[in-house]
Amino acid sequence: MSAPLLQIQPAGLAARRALLARRVRLLVAATITYNVVEAVVAITAGAAASSTALIGFGLDSVIEVSSAAAVAWQFAGRDPEAREKVALRIIAVSFFALAAYVTVESVRALAGGGEAGHSTVGLVLAALSLLVMPVLSHAQRRAGRELGSRSAVADSRQTLLCTYLSAVLLVGLGLNSLFGWSWADPLAALVIAAVAVKEGREAWRGDACCATPAPRAAGADACGCGPGCSP
């Protein structure tokens, strides 16, 4: 009676992994589509309002697309695990590029590099992204962790970082519109840059989940990680 059960289990596991891989691809496609629209709207509105924050937010969306595209490329192959290291490198470089840009533009803004005008479109876009991005990030992180894909988890962190930037943008644009506090946005953005460097280092090392799968413990995911993705 035990032999048939041993034969069924691997097949069920393979089917589950295939389902999760398809889910990751769909989530990545949704992330790319949203970020393309977000980039066009943010850069256009930023140019109209002379807003460095909005333009930076739009360029961040471009980096988000490159990160999501790396994961899409990984899962388009027959053996996604073989492509994972390259995908992680691309995601890490995206984090570093984002941190560098945000730092330079924040310092320039704090040094008096120009004051942005009011942007209703920017405020609406930031608020919408603040609602959409956490949902996409959570869904991809959950699927990636169960699948044991470090690149999918790393990309979900990139999406979560976009949530933080959305909050920074919303606060910055809001304070600038209400009180004329042009320093609020670049100052908060410097904190985001520091977070981006940290996430980039972890993605480069392959620490987005666990570097080496450990024996499954109670409550652990496919990486052998417990709650909070800790080894």
C-alpha atoms as a PDB file:
ATOM      1  CA  MET A   1       0.000   0.000   0.000  1.00  0.00           C
ATOM      2  CA  SER A   2       2.919   2.336   0.642  1.00  0.00           C
ATOM      3  CA  ALA A   3       4.543   2.015  -2.827  1.00  0.00           C
ATOM      4  CA  PRO A   4       1.796   3.865  -4.776  1.00  0.00           C
ATOM      5  CA  LEU A   5       1.919   6.726  -2.252  1.00  0.00           C
ATOM      6  CA  LEU A   6       5.659   7.136  -2.781  1.00  0.00           C
ATOM      7  CA  GLN A   7       5.088   7.334  -6.535  1.00  0.00           C
ATOM      8  CA  ILE A   8       2.277   9.902  -6.299  1.00  0.00           C
ATOM      9  CA  GLN A   9       4.093  12.348  -4.045  1.00  0.00           C
ATOM     10  CA  PRO A  10       6.831  13.409  -6.527  1.00  0.00           C
ATOM     11  CA  ALA A  11       4.234  13.919  -9.260  1.00  0.00           C
ATOM     12  CA  GLY A  12       2.166  16.115  -6.963  1.00  0.00           C
ATOM     13  CA  LEU A  13       5.231  18.089  -5.978  1.00  0.00           C
ATOM     14  CA  ALA A  14       6.186  18.642  -9.622  1.00  0.00           C
ATOM     15  CA  ALA A  15       2.663  19.825 -10.433  1.00  0.00           C
ATOM     16  CA  ARG A  16       2.746  22.246  -7.515  1.00  0.00           C
ATOM     17  CA  ARG A  17       6.109  23.655  -8.615  1.00  0.00           C
ATOM     18  CA  ALA A  18       4.819  24.081 -12.166  1.00  0.00           C
ATOM     19  CA  LEU A  19       1.776  25.960 -10.819  1.00  0.00           C
ATOM     20  CA  LEU A  20       3.979  28.225  -8.702  1.00  0.00           C
ATOM     21  CA  ALA A  21       6.286  28.905 -11.652  1.00  0.00           C
ATOM     22  CA  ARG A  22       3.292  29.954 -13.773  1.00  0.00           C
ATOM     23  CA  ARG A  23       2.077  32.158 -10.923  1.00  0.00           C
ATOM     24  CA  VAL A  24       5.468  33.853 -10.665  1.00  0.00           C
ATOM     25  CA  ARG A  25       5.450  34.497 -14.430  1.00  0.00           C
ATOM     26  CA  LEU A  26       1.970  36.052 -14.239  1.00  0.00           C
ATOM     27  CA  LEU A  27       2.932  38.239 -11.282  1.00  0.00           C
ATOM     28  CA  VAL A  28       6.094  39.341 -13.052  1.00  0.00           C
ATOM     29  CA  ALA A  29       4.063  40.205 -16.162  1.00  0.00           C
ATOM     30  CA  ALA A  30       1.647  42.254 -14.038  1.00  0.00           C
ATOM     31  CA  THR A  31       4.561  44.048 -12.361  1.00  0.00           C
ATOM     32  CA  ILE A  32       6.184  44.876 -15.696  1.00  0.00           C
ATOM     33  CA  THR A  33       2.925  46.168 -17.179  1.00  0.00           C
ATOM     34  CA  TYR A  34       2.143  48.378 -14.190  1.00  0.00           C
ATOM     35  CA  ASN A  35       5.667  49.757 -14.001  1.00  0.00           C
ATOM     36  CA  VAL A  36       5.778  50.631 -17.693  1.00  0.00           C
ATOM     37  CA  VAL A  37       2.599  52.690 -17.294  1.00  0.00           C
ATOM     38  CA  GLU A  38       3.900  54.140 -14.024  1.00  0.00           C
ATOM     39  CA  ALA A  39       7.206  55.158 -15.627  1.00  0.00           C
ATOM     40  CA  VAL A  40       5.541  56.960 -18.541  1.00  0.00           C
ATOM     41  CA  VAL A  41       3.095  58.829 -16.301  1.00  0.00           C
ATOM     42  CA  ALA A  42       5.685  59.737 -13.636  1.00  0.00           C
ATOM     43  CA  ILE A  43       8.359  60.983 -16.050  1.00  0.00           C
ATOM     44  CA  THR A  44       5.825  62.973 -18.074  1.00  0.00           C
ATOM     45  CA  ALA A  45       4.265  64.541 -14.972  1.00  0.00           C
ATOM     46  CA  GLY A  46       7.700  65.128 -13.451  1.00  0.00           C
ATOM     47  CA  ALA A  47       8.931  66.976 -16.510  1.00  0.00           C
ATOM     48  CA  ALA A  48       5.791  69.132 -16.535  1.00  0.00           C
ATOM     49  CA  ALA A  49       6.181  70.050 -12.843  1.00  0.00           C
ATOM     50  CA  SER A  50      10.014  70.178 -12.857  1.00  0.00           C
ATOM     51  CA  SER A  51       9.878  67.531 -10.116  1.00  0.00           C
ATOM     52  CA  THR A  52      13.102  65.596  -9.535  1.00  0.00           C
ATOM     53  CA  ALA A  53      11.220  63.259  -7.196  1.00  0.00           C
ATOM     54  CA  LEU A  54       8.634  62.344  -9.822  1.00  0.00           C
ATOM     55  CA  ILE A  55      11.234  61.849 -12.539  1.00  0.00           C
ATOM     56  CA  GLY A  56      13.304  59.728 -10.154  1.00  0.00           C
ATOM     57  CA  PHE A  57      10.218  57.699  -9.294  1.00  0.00           C
ATOM     58  CA  GLY A  58       9.626  57.106 -12.993  1.00  0.00           C
ATOM     59  CA  LEU A  59      13.212  55.975 -13.519  1.00  0.00           C
ATOM     60  CA  ASP A  60      12.824  53.671 -10.529  1.00  0.00           C
ATOM     61  CA  SER A  61       9.915  52.096 -12.393  1.00  0.00           C
ATOM     62  CA  VAL A  62      12.245  51.493 -15.342  1.00  0.00           C
ATOM     63  CA  ILE A  63      14.626  49.682 -12.973  1.00  0.00           C
ATOM     64  CA  GLU A  64      11.671  47.711 -11.611  1.00  0.00           C
ATOM     65  CA  VAL A  65      10.946  46.557 -15.160  1.00  0.00           C
ATOM     66  CA  SER A  66      14.539  45.381 -15.645  1.00  0.00           C
ATOM     67  CA  SER A  67      14.363  43.430 -12.379  1.00  0.00           C
ATOM     68  CA  ALA A  68      11.037  41.815 -13.242  1.00  0.00           C
ATOM     69  CA  ALA A  69      12.265  41.074 -16.775  1.00  0.00           C
ATOM     70  CA  ALA A  70      15.264  39.242 -15.291  1.00  0.00           C
ATOM     71  CA  VAL A  71      12.923  36.945 -13.362  1.00  0.00           C
ATOM     72  CA  ALA A  72      10.701  36.511 -16.429  1.00  0.00           C
ATOM     73  CA  TRP A  73      13.787  35.505 -18.441  1.00  0.00           C
ATOM     74  CA  GLN A  74      14.784  33.040 -15.734  1.00  0.00           C
ATOM     75  CA  PHE A  75      11.413  31.290 -15.656  1.00  0.00           C
ATOM     76  CA  ALA A  76      11.122  31.261 -19.443  1.00  0.00           C
ATOM     77  CA  GLY A  77      13.840  28.597 -19.581  1.00  0.00           C
ATOM     78  CA  ARG A  78      13.418  24.862 -19.076  1.00  0.00           C
ATOM     79  CA  ASP A  79      15.702  24.965 -16.018  1.00  0.00           C
ATOM     80  CA  PRO A  80      14.989  28.207 -14.081  1.00  0.00           C
ATOM     81  CA  GLU A  81      17.464  27.281 -11.335  1.00  0.00           C
ATOM     82  CA  ALA A  82      20.341  27.305 -13.829  1.00  0.00           C
ATOM     83  CA  ARG A  83      19.573  30.945 -14.654  1.00  0.00           C
ATOM     84  CA  GLU A  84      19.000  32.081 -11.087  1.00  0.00           C
ATOM     85  CA  LYS A  85      22.511  33.397 -10.381  1.00  0.00           C
ATOM     86  CA  VAL A  86      22.482  35.665 -13.433  1.00  0.00           C
ATOM     87  CA  ALA A  87      18.976  36.899 -12.565  1.00  0.00           C
ATOM     88  CA  LEU A  88      20.117  37.717  -9.024  1.00  0.00           C
ATOM     89  CA  ARG A  89      23.093  39.672 -10.370  1.00  0.00           C
ATOM     90  CA  ILE A  90      20.807  41.740 -12.600  1.00  0.00           C
ATOM     91  CA  ILE A  91      18.470  42.456  -9.686  1.00  0.00           C
ATOM     92  CA  ALA A  92      21.415  43.441  -7.455  1.00  0.00           C
ATOM     93  CA  VAL A  93      22.809  45.824 -10.075  1.00  0.00           C
ATOM     94  CA  SER A  94      19.332  47.346 -10.415  1.00  0.00           C
ATOM     95  CA  PHE A  95      19.292  48.061  -6.675  1.00  0.00           C
ATOM     96  CA  PHE A  96      22.742  49.664  -6.822  1.00  0.00           C
ATOM     97  CA  ALA A  97      21.793  51.795  -9.834  1.00  0.00           C
ATOM     98  CA  LEU A  98      18.643  52.954  -8.074  1.00  0.00           C
ATOM     99  CA  ALA A  99      20.592  53.833  -4.915  1.00  0.00           C
ATOM    100  CA  ALA A 100      23.179  55.779  -6.903  1.00  0.00           C
ATOM    101  CA  TYR A 101      20.573  57.768  -8.808  1.00  0.00           C
ATOM    102  CA  VAL A 102      18.469  58.564  -5.755  1.00  0.00           C
ATOM    103  CA  THR A 103      21.557  59.660  -3.800  1.00  0.00           C
ATOM    104  CA  VAL A 104      22.852  61.974  -6.529  1.00  0.00           C
ATOM    105  CA  GLU A 105      19.469  63.545  -7.191  1.00  0.00           C
ATOM    106  CA  SER A 106      18.703  63.912  -3.476  1.00  0.00           C
ATOM    107  CA  VAL A 107      21.995  65.683  -2.791  1.00  0.00           C
ATOM    108  CA  ARG A 108      21.432  67.910  -5.824  1.00  0.00           C
ATOM    109  CA  ALA A 109      17.938  68.800  -4.612  1.00  0.00           C
ATOM    110  CA  LEU A 110      19.135  69.511  -1.071  1.00  0.00           C
ATOM    111  CA  ALA A 111      21.867  71.755  -2.495  1.00  0.00           C
ATOM    112  CA  GLY A 112      19.240  73.872  -4.215  1.00  0.00           C
ATOM    113  CA  GLY A 113      19.138  72.196  -7.596  1.00  0.00           C
ATOM    114  CA  GLY A 114      15.609  73.407  -8.299  1.00  0.00           C
ATOM    115  CA  GLU A 115      12.149  73.476  -6.730  1.00  0.00           C
ATOM    116  CA  ALA A 116       9.295  71.353  -7.982  1.00  0.00           C
ATOM    117  CA  GLY A 117       5.799  72.634  -8.607  1.00  0.00           C
ATOM    118  CA  HIS A 118       2.500  71.075  -7.548  1.00  0.00           C
ATOM    119  CA  SER A 119       1.485  67.904  -9.397  1.00  0.00           C
ATOM    120  CA  THR A 120      -1.974  66.441  -8.920  1.00  0.00           C
ATOM    121  CA  VAL A 121      -1.122  63.582 -11.283  1.00  0.00           C
ATOM    122  CA  GLY A 122       1.960  62.785  -9.201  1.00  0.00           C
ATOM    123  CA  LEU A 123      -0.021  62.693  -5.967  1.00  0.00           C
ATOM    124  CA  VAL A 124      -2.637  60.354  -7.453  1.00  0.00           C
ATOM    125  CA  LEU A 125       0.032  58.088  -8.968  1.00  0.00           C
ATOM    126  CA  ALA A 126       1.955  57.846  -5.684  1.00  0.00           C
ATOM    127  CA  ALA A 127      -1.219  56.991  -3.749  1.00  0.00           C
ATOM    128  CA  LEU A 128      -2.218  54.337  -6.302  1.00  0.00           C
ATOM    129  CA  SER A 129       1.231  52.738  -6.272  1.00  0.00           C
ATOM    130  CA  LEU A 130       1.143  52.704  -2.474  1.00  0.00           C
ATOM    131  CA  LEU A 131      -1.925  50.453  -2.730  1.00  0.00           C
ATOM    132  CA  VAL A 132      -0.918  48.250  -5.681  1.00  0.00           C
ATOM    133  CA  MET A 133       2.758  47.505  -5.014  1.00  0.00           C
ATOM    134  CA  PRO A 134       2.402  45.828  -1.576  1.00  0.00           C
ATOM    135  CA  VAL A 135      -0.143  43.389  -3.034  1.00  0.00           C
ATOM    136  CA  LEU A 136       2.111  42.417  -5.937  1.00  0.00           C
ATOM    137  CA  SER A 137       5.147  42.164  -3.666  1.00  0.00           C
ATOM    138  CA  HIS A 138       3.414  39.938  -1.111  1.00  0.00           C
ATOM    139  CA  ALA A 139       1.992  37.594  -3.743  1.00  0.00           C
ATOM    140  CA  GLN A 140       5.323  37.186  -5.529  1.00  0.00           C
ATOM    141  CA  ARG A 141       7.288  36.764  -2.309  1.00  0.00           C
ATOM    142  CA  ARG A 142       4.900  34.073  -1.101  1.00  0.00           C
ATOM    143  CA  ALA A 143       5.065  32.148  -4.382  1.00  0.00           C
ATOM    144  CA  GLY A 144       8.833  32.606  -4.650  1.00  0.00           C
ATOM    145  CA  ARG A 145       9.494  31.355  -1.126  1.00  0.00           C
ATOM    146  CA  GLU A 146       7.327  28.271  -1.569  1.00  0.00           C
ATOM    147  CA  LEU A 147       9.009  27.579  -4.892  1.00  0.00           C
ATOM    148  CA  GLY A 148      12.443  28.130  -3.364  1.00  0.00           C
ATOM    149  CA  SER A 149      13.346  30.833  -5.907  1.00  0.00           C
ATOM    150  CA  ARG A 150      15.745  33.407  -4.501  1.00  0.00           C
ATOM    151  CA  SER A 151      15.430  35.608  -7.597  1.00  0.00           C
ATOM    152  CA  ALA A 152      11.634  35.782  -7.303  1.00  0.00           C
ATOM    153  CA  VAL A 153      11.957  36.744  -3.629  1.00  0.00           C
ATOM    154  CA  ALA A 154      14.609  39.344  -4.499  1.00  0.00           C
ATOM    155  CA  ASP A 155      12.351  40.825  -7.175  1.00  0.00           C
ATOM    156  CA  SER A 156       9.488  40.977  -4.664  1.00  0.00           C
ATOM    157  CA  ARG A 157      11.770  43.060  -2.448  1.00  0.00           C
ATOM    158  CA  GLN A 158      12.434  45.365  -5.380  1.00  0.00           C
ATOM    159  CA  THR A 159       8.673  45.797  -5.723  1.00  0.00           C
ATOM    160  CA  LEU A 160       8.364  46.398  -1.975  1.00  0.00           C
ATOM    161  CA  LEU A 161      11.065  49.064  -2.226  1.00  0.00           C
ATOM    162  CA  CYS A 162       8.883  50.767  -4.819  1.00  0.00           C
ATOM    163  CA  THR A 163       6.195  50.886  -2.129  1.00  0.00           C
ATOM    164  CA  TYR A 164       8.558  52.792   0.154  1.00  0.00           C
ATOM    165  CA  LEU A 165       9.434  55.157  -2.664  1.00  0.00           C
ATOM    166  CA  SER A 166       5.726  55.675  -3.315  1.00  0.00           C
ATOM    167  CA  ALA A 167       5.271  56.690   0.319  1.00  0.00           C
ATOM    168  CA  VAL A 168       8.297  58.999   0.144  1.00  0.00           C
ATOM    169  CA  LEU A 169       7.010  60.544  -3.070  1.00  0.00           C
ATOM    170  CA  LEU A 170       3.524  61.024  -1.636  1.00  0.00           C
ATOM    171  CA  VAL A 171       4.843  62.680   1.523  1.00  0.00           C
ATOM    172  CA  GLY A 172       7.359  64.763  -0.389  1.00  0.00           C
ATOM    173  CA  LEU A 173       4.878  66.022  -2.972  1.00  0.00           C
ATOM    174  CA  GLY A 174       2.280  66.590  -0.272  1.00  0.00           C
ATOM    175  CA  LEU A 175       4.573  68.615   1.999  1.00  0.00           C
ATOM    176  CA  ASN A 176       5.864  70.576  -0.961  1.00  0.00           C
ATOM    177  CA  SER A 177       2.340  71.369  -2.144  1.00  0.00           C
ATOM    178  CA  LEU A 178       0.995  72.247   1.309  1.00  0.00           C
ATOM    179  CA  PHE A 179       3.936  73.951   3.018  1.00  0.00           C
ATOM    180  CA  GLY A 180       6.617  74.459   0.387  1.00  0.00           C
ATOM    181  CA  TRP A 181       9.024  72.102   2.235  1.00  0.00           C
ATOM    182  CA  SER A 182      11.112  71.097  -0.764  1.00  0.00           C
ATOM    183  CA  TRP A 183      13.746  69.400   1.435  1.00  0.00           C
ATOM    184  CA  ALA A 184      11.404  66.693   2.779  1.00  0.00           C
ATOM    185  CA  ASP A 185      11.407  64.433  -0.282  1.00  0.00           C
ATOM    186  CA  PRO A 186      15.191  64.256  -0.980  1.00  0.00           C
ATOM    187  CA  LEU A 187      15.963  63.756   2.702  1.00  0.00           C
ATOM    188  CA  ALA A 188      13.640  60.766   2.989  1.00  0.00           C
ATOM    189  CA  ALA A 189      14.887  59.450  -0.363  1.00  0.00           C
ATOM    190  CA  LEU A 190      18.406  59.158   1.075  1.00  0.00           C
ATOM    191  CA  VAL A 191      17.038  56.628   3.572  1.00  0.00           C
ATOM    192  CA  ILE A 192      15.531  54.665   0.693  1.00  0.00           C
ATOM    193  CA  ALA A 193      18.908  54.718  -1.071  1.00  0.00           C
ATOM    194  CA  ALA A 194      20.509  53.104   1.988  1.00  0.00           C
ATOM    195  CA  VAL A 195      17.824  50.391   1.979  1.00  0.00           C
ATOM    196  CA  ALA A 196      18.423  49.805  -1.734  1.00  0.00           C
ATOM    197  CA  VAL A 197      22.154  49.258  -1.125  1.00  0.00           C
ATOM    198  CA  LYS A 198      21.363  46.716   1.610  1.00  0.00           C
ATOM    199  CA  GLU A 199      18.907  44.830  -0.595  1.00  0.00           C
ATOM    200  CA  GLY A 200      21.341  44.914  -3.506  1.00  0.00           C
ATOM    201  CA  ARG A 201      24.093  43.365  -1.390  1.00  0.00           C
ATOM    202  CA  GLU A 202      21.770  40.592  -0.217  1.00  0.00           C
ATOM    203  CA  ALA A 203      20.621  39.854  -3.762  1.00  0.00           C
ATOM    204  CA  TRP A 204      24.243  39.764  -4.980  1.00  0.00           C
ATOM    205  CA  ARG A 205      25.160  37.249  -2.262  1.00  0.00           C
ATOM    206  CA  GLY A 206      22.019  35.238  -2.922  1.00  0.00           C
ATOM    207  CA  ASP A 207      20.581  35.969   0.501  1.00  0.00           C
ATOM    208  CA  ALA A 208      17.100  36.803  -0.769  1.00  0.00           C
ATOM    209  CA  CYS A 209      15.936  33.623   0.890  1.00  0.00           C
ATOM    210  CA  CYS A 210      18.513  31.065   1.991  1.00  0.00           C
ATOM    211  CA  ALA A 211      21.851  30.576   0.305  1.00  0.00           C
ATOM    212  CA  THR A 212      21.648  26.819   0.799  1.00  0.00           C
ATOM    213  CA  PRO A 213      18.350  25.011   1.337  1.00  0.00           C
ATOM    214  CA  ALA A 214      18.232  23.581   4.829  1.00  0.00           C
ATOM    215  CA  PRO A 215      16.248  20.610   6.115  1.00  0.00           C
ATOM    216  CA  ARG A 216      12.586  21.482   6.287  1.00  0.00           C
ATOM    217  CA  ALA A 217      11.468  22.410   9.789  1.00  0.00           C
ATOM    218  CA  ALA A 218       8.012  23.061  11.144  1.00  0.00           C
ATOM    219  CA  GLY A 219       6.638  26.180   9.479  1.00  0.00           C
ATOM    220  CA  ALA A 220       9.552  26.390   7.025  1.00  0.00           C
ATOM    221  CA  ASP A 221       9.154  27.145   3.336  1.00  0.00           C
ATOM    222  CA  ALA A 222      10.819  25.556   0.303  1.00  0.00           C
ATOM    223  CA  CYS A 223      14.084  27.334   1.133  1.00  0.00           C
ATOM    224  CA  GLY A 224      14.146  25.826   4.582  1.00  0.00           C
ATOM    225  CA  CYS A 225      13.367  29.267   5.989  1.00  0.00           C
ATOM    226  CA  GLY A 226      11.023  29.925   8.833  1.00  0.00           C
ATOM    227  CA  PRO A 227       8.666  32.901   9.157  1.00  0.00           C
ATOM    228  CA  GLY A 228      10.382  36.105   8.055  1.00  0.00           C
ATOM    229  CA  CYS A 229      12.582  34.141   5.621  1.00  0.00           C
ATOM    230  CA  SER A 230      15.258  33.503   8.214  1.00  0.00           C
ATOM    231  CA  PRO A 231      17.452  30.415   7.979  1.00  0.00           C
END
